[in-house]
Amino acid sequence: MQTVSDRKDRGRRGEAGFSLVELLVAIGVTLVIMVVATRLLAMSMFVRQRENQRAEAVADVQRALQAMSREISNAGLGLSNNGLVADDSDDTSIRIRSNLNAICTTNLACDSDTADAGEDVVYAIISDTDDTGVVQRLITRQDINSGNAISQLANRIDNLQFVYVKPDGTTTLNASQAQKVKITVTVTLRAVGKSGQPGYQPPSQTELVSEVVLRNLLLNN
């Protein structure tokens, strides 16, 4: 005859904890989830780091391009040519002249030369070594009339190229014949993470281009 005590004992045995197999399966599933989560987290962190690199590089280059474009577009102001010095302008540097105070006003004295600050400027790319010994390339602005003062516009640059375009649309090596100047700046983004690891971002290049019309050329011809 089955007693109440026997039924309670069987009920307690049926409510026993996880078996060893069930415990191992649970641990295995947990480990898989943790590995996948770690990979996803690493990937998102590396992608975020790469996008931060890209944003910083693009912002830096855009500032440099805006400064160069603004000053190059004013080349030749008050002169009888396009303002580009052919002997000092090639595919990696450009020298521009302009007479910024050529127009007389009641508050501003005028002259007929390019001897004032900001009227004779060279843009170029140079190599420099920082405090840690790393060699980096910089876009610089040199003001000839201010004691050849050099200022830095952008760093971590890989390439700076100037292309001179004639009025008929063809390119020329003689800057004095140009109606437009095409400026191309290339920046290489460093690798993020290590090759073979989750979320690894290989090195990549970002290129920004600006085309500047020498607006004073039409006035001078």
Protein backbone atom coordinates (compact mmCIF):
# COMPACT_ATOMS: atom_id res chain seq x y z
CA MET A 1 0.00 0.00 0.00
CA GLN A 2 1.38 3.43 -1.06
CA THR A 3 1.59 5.84 1.77
CA VAL A 4 1.52 9.62 1.67
CA SER A 5 5.19 9.63 2.72
CA ASP A 6 6.19 7.52 -0.33
CA ARG A 7 4.44 9.89 -2.72
CA LYS A 8 6.20 12.91 -1.19
CA ASP A 9 9.62 11.20 -1.51
CA ARG A 10 9.06 10.49 -5.22
CA GLY A 11 7.91 14.09 -5.73
CA ARG A 12 11.09 15.42 -4.15
CA ARG A 13 13.23 13.12 -6.33
CA GLY A 14 11.41 14.46 -9.45
CA GLU A 15 12.25 18.05 -8.39
CA ALA A 16 15.99 17.37 -8.21
CA GLY A 17 18.46 20.01 -9.72
CA PHE A 18 20.11 20.08 -13.19
CA SER A 19 22.02 17.07 -14.28
CA LEU A 20 25.72 17.36 -15.20
CA VAL A 21 24.90 17.16 -18.92
CA GLU A 22 22.34 19.97 -18.65
CA LEU A 23 24.84 22.10 -16.73
CA LEU A 24 27.54 21.55 -19.35
CA VAL A 25 25.13 22.45 -22.15
CA ALA A 26 24.12 25.65 -20.35
CA ILE A 27 27.78 26.63 -19.81
CA GLY A 28 28.57 25.92 -23.48
CA VAL A 29 25.67 28.09 -24.69
CA THR A 30 26.72 30.88 -22.34
CA LEU A 31 30.29 30.76 -23.61
CA VAL A 32 29.14 30.91 -27.23
CA ILE A 33 26.96 33.94 -26.47
CA MET A 34 29.87 35.65 -24.67
CA VAL A 35 32.27 35.02 -27.59
CA VAL A 36 29.77 36.39 -30.12
CA ALA A 37 29.06 39.42 -27.92
CA THR A 38 32.79 40.08 -27.48
CA ARG A 39 33.36 39.94 -31.25
CA LEU A 40 30.47 42.30 -31.90
CA LEU A 41 31.70 44.70 -29.23
CA ALA A 42 35.25 44.68 -30.63
CA MET A 43 33.92 45.23 -34.14
CA SER A 44 31.76 48.18 -33.10
CA MET A 45 34.66 49.76 -31.16
CA PHE A 46 37.07 49.44 -34.10
CA VAL A 47 34.48 50.77 -36.55
CA ARG A 48 33.83 53.72 -34.23
CA GLN A 49 37.57 54.38 -33.94
CA ARG A 50 37.95 54.29 -37.73
CA GLU A 51 35.05 56.70 -38.22
CA ASN A 52 36.59 59.06 -35.66
CA GLN A 53 39.85 58.93 -37.64
CA ARG A 54 38.00 59.66 -40.86
CA ALA A 55 36.04 62.57 -39.36
CA GLU A 56 39.18 64.17 -37.92
CA ALA A 57 41.15 63.75 -41.14
CA VAL A 58 38.36 65.08 -43.36
CA ALA A 59 37.75 68.09 -41.11
CA ASP A 60 41.48 68.88 -41.07
CA VAL A 61 41.78 68.63 -44.85
CA GLN A 62 38.60 70.60 -45.48
CA ARG A 63 39.94 73.51 -43.43
CA ALA A 64 43.18 73.44 -45.43
CA LEU A 65 41.33 73.23 -48.75
CA GLN A 66 39.08 76.16 -47.84
CA ALA A 67 42.06 78.32 -46.89
CA MET A 68 43.97 77.46 -50.07
CA SER A 69 40.94 77.81 -52.34
CA ARG A 70 40.03 81.22 -50.94
CA GLU A 71 43.53 82.61 -51.39
CA ILE A 72 44.17 81.00 -54.79
CA SER A 73 40.89 82.37 -56.15
CA ASN A 74 42.13 85.87 -55.27
CA ALA A 75 45.41 85.37 -57.15
CA GLY A 76 46.10 88.06 -59.73
CA LEU A 77 43.98 90.75 -58.06
CA GLY A 78 45.29 94.10 -59.23
CA LEU A 79 47.81 92.46 -61.56
CA SER A 80 47.99 91.95 -65.32
CA ASN A 81 48.31 88.14 -65.08
CA ASN A 82 46.67 85.22 -63.28
CA GLY A 83 48.85 85.70 -60.20
CA LEU A 84 50.54 82.29 -60.32
CA VAL A 85 54.33 82.34 -60.31
CA ALA A 86 55.20 79.71 -62.91
CA ASP A 87 58.82 79.19 -61.82
CA ASP A 88 57.72 78.35 -58.26
CA SER A 89 54.55 76.41 -59.03
CA ASP A 90 54.46 72.70 -59.88
CA ASP A 91 52.40 69.63 -58.99
CA THR A 92 53.32 69.73 -55.27
CA SER A 93 53.54 73.46 -54.53
CA ILE A 94 52.02 76.71 -55.72
CA ARG A 95 53.07 80.34 -55.36
CA ILE A 96 50.45 83.03 -55.74
CA ARG A 97 50.64 86.81 -55.84
CA SER A 98 47.91 89.40 -55.54
CA ASN A 99 47.62 93.10 -54.78
CA LEU A 100 45.02 92.95 -52.04
CA ASN A 101 44.95 96.72 -51.55
CA ALA A 102 44.88 97.64 -55.24
CA ILE A 103 41.49 99.33 -54.83
CA CYS A 104 41.64 102.67 -53.03
CA THR A 105 39.03 103.56 -50.42
CA THR A 106 38.69 106.38 -47.96
CA ASN A 107 39.85 104.15 -45.09
CA LEU A 108 42.46 102.09 -46.91
CA ALA A 109 45.56 103.30 -48.73
CA CYS A 110 46.30 101.55 -52.00
CA ASP A 111 49.48 100.68 -53.87
CA SER A 112 50.57 98.94 -57.03
CA ASP A 113 52.84 96.22 -55.65
CA THR A 114 52.60 92.81 -53.96
CA ALA A 115 54.96 93.59 -51.08
CA ASP A 116 52.46 93.53 -48.23
CA ALA A 117 51.71 90.60 -45.91
CA GLY A 118 49.52 87.96 -47.53
CA GLU A 119 50.21 89.17 -51.07
CA ASP A 120 52.94 86.64 -51.92
CA VAL A 121 52.20 83.18 -50.58
CA VAL A 122 53.46 79.62 -51.15
CA TYR A 123 51.45 76.49 -50.38
CA ALA A 124 53.40 73.22 -50.26
CA ILE A 125 53.66 69.82 -48.62
CA ILE A 126 56.69 69.12 -46.44
CA SER A 127 57.93 66.25 -44.26
CA ASP A 128 58.49 66.80 -40.55
CA THR A 129 59.39 64.66 -37.53
CA ASP A 130 57.32 65.02 -34.35
CA ASP A 131 58.48 64.62 -30.74
CA THR A 132 58.07 60.83 -30.88
CA GLY A 133 60.25 60.46 -33.99
CA VAL A 134 57.33 59.77 -36.32
CA VAL A 135 57.69 61.36 -39.75
CA GLN A 136 54.54 63.08 -40.94
CA ARG A 137 53.68 65.21 -43.96
CA LEU A 138 52.18 68.66 -43.53
CA ILE A 139 50.44 71.20 -45.73
CA THR A 140 52.07 74.55 -45.03
CA ARG A 141 51.49 78.18 -45.92
CA GLN A 142 54.55 80.39 -46.31
CA ASP A 143 54.09 84.17 -46.33
CA ILE A 144 57.05 85.57 -48.29
CA ASN A 145 56.42 89.16 -47.15
CA SER A 146 56.27 88.27 -43.45
CA GLY A 147 59.82 87.04 -43.07
CA ASN A 148 58.94 83.75 -44.78
CA ALA A 149 56.71 82.87 -41.85
CA ILE A 150 55.42 79.30 -42.19
CA SER A 151 52.14 78.10 -40.70
CA GLN A 152 50.73 74.57 -40.66
CA LEU A 153 47.33 73.98 -42.24
CA ALA A 154 46.94 70.20 -41.95
CA ASN A 155 48.99 67.22 -40.80
CA ARG A 156 49.01 63.46 -41.47
CA ILE A 157 48.78 64.19 -45.18
CA ASP A 158 50.01 61.65 -47.73
CA ASN A 159 49.82 63.68 -50.91
CA LEU A 160 49.09 67.19 -52.14
CA GLN A 161 48.72 67.74 -55.87
CA PHE A 162 48.06 70.82 -57.99
CA VAL A 163 46.83 70.49 -61.57
CA TYR A 164 46.72 73.59 -63.78
CA VAL A 165 43.88 73.82 -66.30
CA LYS A 166 43.85 76.16 -69.31
CA PRO A 167 40.72 77.97 -70.57
CA ASP A 168 40.17 75.24 -73.20
CA GLY A 169 39.99 72.57 -70.48
CA THR A 170 43.38 70.96 -71.14
CA THR A 171 46.03 70.72 -68.45
CA THR A 172 49.36 72.51 -68.56
CA LEU A 173 52.64 72.40 -66.68
CA ASN A 174 52.95 76.17 -67.04
CA ALA A 175 50.97 77.68 -64.18
CA SER A 176 50.96 81.14 -65.79
CA GLN A 177 48.62 79.76 -68.50
CA ALA A 178 46.06 78.36 -66.08
CA GLN A 179 42.49 79.53 -65.65
CA LYS A 180 41.68 76.91 -63.01
CA VAL A 181 43.63 75.04 -60.36
CA LYS A 182 42.55 71.57 -59.22
CA ILE A 183 43.74 70.71 -55.71
CA THR A 184 43.80 67.08 -54.54
CA VAL A 185 44.67 66.04 -50.98
CA THR A 186 45.08 62.38 -50.01
CA VAL A 187 45.05 61.06 -46.45
CA THR A 188 45.70 57.45 -45.42
CA LEU A 189 43.76 56.25 -42.39
CA ARG A 190 45.82 53.96 -40.18
CA ALA A 191 44.81 50.36 -39.53
CA VAL A 192 42.66 49.78 -36.45
CA GLY A 193 43.19 46.54 -34.53
CA LYS A 194 45.31 43.63 -35.72
CA SER A 195 44.88 41.62 -38.87
CA GLY A 196 42.85 38.48 -38.22
CA GLN A 197 41.21 39.86 -35.10
CA PRO A 198 37.46 40.59 -34.91
CA GLY A 199 36.55 44.02 -36.30
CA TYR A 200 39.97 44.67 -37.87
CA GLN A 201 39.91 47.80 -40.05
CA PRO A 202 42.66 47.79 -42.71
CA PRO A 203 44.37 51.01 -43.84
CA SER A 204 42.33 53.03 -46.32
CA GLN A 205 42.71 56.26 -48.25
CA THR A 206 40.46 59.31 -48.28
CA GLU A 207 40.78 61.81 -51.11
CA LEU A 208 39.35 65.33 -51.20
CA VAL A 209 39.32 67.54 -54.29
CA SER A 210 38.71 71.26 -54.80
CA GLU A 211 38.66 73.08 -58.15
CA VAL A 212 39.40 76.81 -57.98
CA VAL A 213 38.65 79.30 -60.75
CA LEU A 214 41.12 82.17 -61.01
CA ARG A 215 38.38 84.79 -61.13
CA ASN A 216 40.76 87.73 -61.63
CA LEU A 217 42.15 86.29 -64.85
CA LEU A 218 39.13 87.46 -66.86
CA LEU A 219 39.49 90.96 -65.43
CA ASN A 220 43.17 91.17 -66.32
CA ASN A 221 42.89 89.99 -69.94
